[in-house]
Amino acid sequence: MGTENKLSLVVCKTILNKNGLEYTDDEIIAIRDFLYHMAEIATNHFQRITDRQATIIPLTKHENYAETESIPLYKGEHRRTG
């Protein structure tokens, strides 16, 4: 994305330097560019989900995950209770 489509440095400085905070121009540009990158990632991901090109994988596969057997990384003295 070219700089012509981004918020101006003056607008960003006004927003970021509120309440006595003082960011340098280089810091403001880095923050602005980071936020634009994050927005692009989120937008692309949303579009992929909308187009059914991406799937959402649940963090927990098992509904009763507390009852599943744990796999120790190494043999230890202390075991999982339950």
C-alpha atoms as a PDB file:
ATOM      1  CA  MET A   1       0.000   0.000   0.000  1.00  0.00           C
ATOM      2  CA  GLY A   2       1.439   3.332  -0.985  1.00  0.00           C
ATOM      3  CA  THR A   3       1.652   6.249   1.407  1.00  0.00           C
ATOM      4  CA  GLU A   4      -1.012   8.131  -0.593  1.00  0.00           C
ATOM      5  CA  ASN A   5      -3.704   5.843   0.891  1.00  0.00           C
ATOM      6  CA  LYS A   6      -2.488   6.012   4.489  1.00  0.00           C
ATOM      7  CA  LEU A   7      -3.345   8.473   7.219  1.00  0.00           C
ATOM      8  CA  SER A   8      -1.021  11.437   7.134  1.00  0.00           C
ATOM      9  CA  LEU A   9       1.826  11.773   9.602  1.00  0.00           C
ATOM     10  CA  VAL A  10       0.111  14.873  11.052  1.00  0.00           C
ATOM     11  CA  VAL A  11      -3.123  12.968  11.772  1.00  0.00           C
ATOM     12  CA  CYS A  12      -1.220  10.044  13.290  1.00  0.00           C
ATOM     13  CA  LYS A  13       0.896  12.393  15.393  1.00  0.00           C
ATOM     14  CA  THR A  14      -2.231  14.110  16.710  1.00  0.00           C
ATOM     15  CA  ILE A  15      -3.740  10.775  17.732  1.00  0.00           C
ATOM     16  CA  LEU A  16      -0.603   9.161  19.161  1.00  0.00           C
ATOM     17  CA  ASN A  17       0.853  12.165  20.958  1.00  0.00           C
ATOM     18  CA  LYS A  18      -2.247  12.716  23.110  1.00  0.00           C
ATOM     19  CA  ASN A  19      -2.018  12.950  26.873  1.00  0.00           C
ATOM     20  CA  GLY A  20       1.595  14.067  26.939  1.00  0.00           C
ATOM     21  CA  LEU A  21       3.035  11.138  25.004  1.00  0.00           C
ATOM     22  CA  GLU A  22       5.821  12.070  22.627  1.00  0.00           C
ATOM     23  CA  TYR A  23       6.609   9.765  19.703  1.00  0.00           C
ATOM     24  CA  THR A  24       9.201  10.600  17.087  1.00  0.00           C
ATOM     25  CA  ASP A  25       8.210  10.750  13.436  1.00  0.00           C
ATOM     26  CA  ASP A  26      10.026   7.453  12.806  1.00  0.00           C
ATOM     27  CA  GLU A  27       8.158   5.765  15.677  1.00  0.00           C
ATOM     28  CA  ILE A  28       4.832   7.087  14.394  1.00  0.00           C
ATOM     29  CA  ILE A  29       5.541   5.805  10.885  1.00  0.00           C
ATOM     30  CA  ALA A  30       6.525   2.392  12.281  1.00  0.00           C
ATOM     31  CA  ILE A  31       3.341   2.204  14.386  1.00  0.00           C
ATOM     32  CA  ARG A  32       1.174   3.318  11.464  1.00  0.00           C
ATOM     33  CA  ASP A  33       2.767   0.793   9.102  1.00  0.00           C
ATOM     34  CA  PHE A  34       2.387  -1.999  11.661  1.00  0.00           C
ATOM     35  CA  LEU A  35      -1.307  -1.213  12.139  1.00  0.00           C
ATOM     36  CA  TYR A  36      -1.867  -1.157   8.374  1.00  0.00           C
ATOM     37  CA  HIS A  37      -0.181  -4.564   8.070  1.00  0.00           C
ATOM     38  CA  MET A  38      -2.345  -5.979  10.873  1.00  0.00           C
ATOM     39  CA  ALA A  39      -5.489  -4.590   9.236  1.00  0.00           C
ATOM     40  CA  GLU A  40      -4.471  -6.140   5.903  1.00  0.00           C
ATOM     41  CA  ILE A  41      -3.933  -9.547   7.534  1.00  0.00           C
ATOM     42  CA  ALA A  42      -7.303  -9.381   9.311  1.00  0.00           C
ATOM     43  CA  THR A  43      -9.092  -8.253   6.133  1.00  0.00           C
ATOM     44  CA  ASN A  44      -7.504 -11.006   4.040  1.00  0.00           C
ATOM     45  CA  HIS A  45      -8.360 -13.631   6.651  1.00  0.00           C
ATOM     46  CA  PHE A  46     -11.969 -12.423   6.839  1.00  0.00           C
ATOM     47  CA  GLN A  47     -12.224 -12.546   3.051  1.00  0.00           C
ATOM     48  CA  ARG A  48     -10.838 -16.097   2.955  1.00  0.00           C
ATOM     49  CA  ILE A  49     -13.387 -17.222   5.559  1.00  0.00           C
ATOM     50  CA  THR A  50     -16.187 -15.492   3.635  1.00  0.00           C
ATOM     51  CA  ASP A  51     -15.076 -17.200   0.405  1.00  0.00           C
ATOM     52  CA  ARG A  52     -14.818 -20.524   2.299  1.00  0.00           C
ATOM     53  CA  GLN A  53     -11.117 -20.795   1.435  1.00  0.00           C
ATOM     54  CA  ALA A  54     -10.143 -20.949   5.104  1.00  0.00           C
ATOM     55  CA  THR A  55     -11.469 -22.940   7.988  1.00  0.00           C
ATOM     56  CA  ILE A  56     -11.578 -22.130  11.652  1.00  0.00           C
ATOM     57  CA  ILE A  57      -9.946 -24.842  13.729  1.00  0.00           C
ATOM     58  CA  PRO A  58     -11.166 -25.004  17.325  1.00  0.00           C
ATOM     59  CA  LEU A  59      -8.470 -24.842  19.969  1.00  0.00           C
ATOM     60  CA  THR A  60     -10.051 -27.735  21.846  1.00  0.00           C
ATOM     61  CA  LYS A  61     -10.818 -30.840  19.807  1.00  0.00           C
ATOM     62  CA  HIS A  62     -12.411 -32.797  22.625  1.00  0.00           C
ATOM     63  CA  GLU A  63     -15.409 -31.593  24.554  1.00  0.00           C
ATOM     64  CA  ASN A  64     -14.307 -33.617  27.585  1.00  0.00           C
ATOM     65  CA  TYR A  65     -10.640 -32.708  27.353  1.00  0.00           C
ATOM     66  CA  ALA A  66     -10.243 -32.985  31.139  1.00  0.00           C
ATOM     67  CA  GLU A  67     -10.906 -36.710  30.843  1.00  0.00           C
ATOM     68  CA  THR A  68      -8.327 -37.361  28.132  1.00  0.00           C
ATOM     69  CA  GLU A  69      -5.033 -38.962  28.987  1.00  0.00           C
ATOM     70  CA  SER A  70      -2.087 -36.637  29.291  1.00  0.00           C
ATOM     71  CA  ILE A  71       1.198 -37.459  27.619  1.00  0.00           C
ATOM     72  CA  PRO A  72       4.186 -36.527  29.776  1.00  0.00           C
ATOM     73  CA  LEU A  73       7.197 -34.927  28.132  1.00  0.00           C
ATOM     74  CA  TYR A  74       9.491 -36.912  30.366  1.00  0.00           C
ATOM     75  CA  LYS A  75       9.065 -39.520  33.038  1.00  0.00           C
ATOM     76  CA  GLY A  76       8.594 -37.705  36.304  1.00  0.00           C
ATOM     77  CA  GLU A  77       7.841 -38.240  39.934  1.00  0.00           C
ATOM     78  CA  HIS A  78       4.634 -36.164  39.961  1.00  0.00           C
ATOM     79  CA  ARG A  79       1.626 -37.315  37.984  1.00  0.00           C
ATOM     80  CA  ARG A  80      -1.608 -35.673  36.994  1.00  0.00           C
ATOM     81  CA  THR A  81      -4.323 -36.130  39.588  1.00  0.00           C
ATOM     82  CA  GLY A  82      -7.801 -37.099  38.739  1.00  0.00           C
END
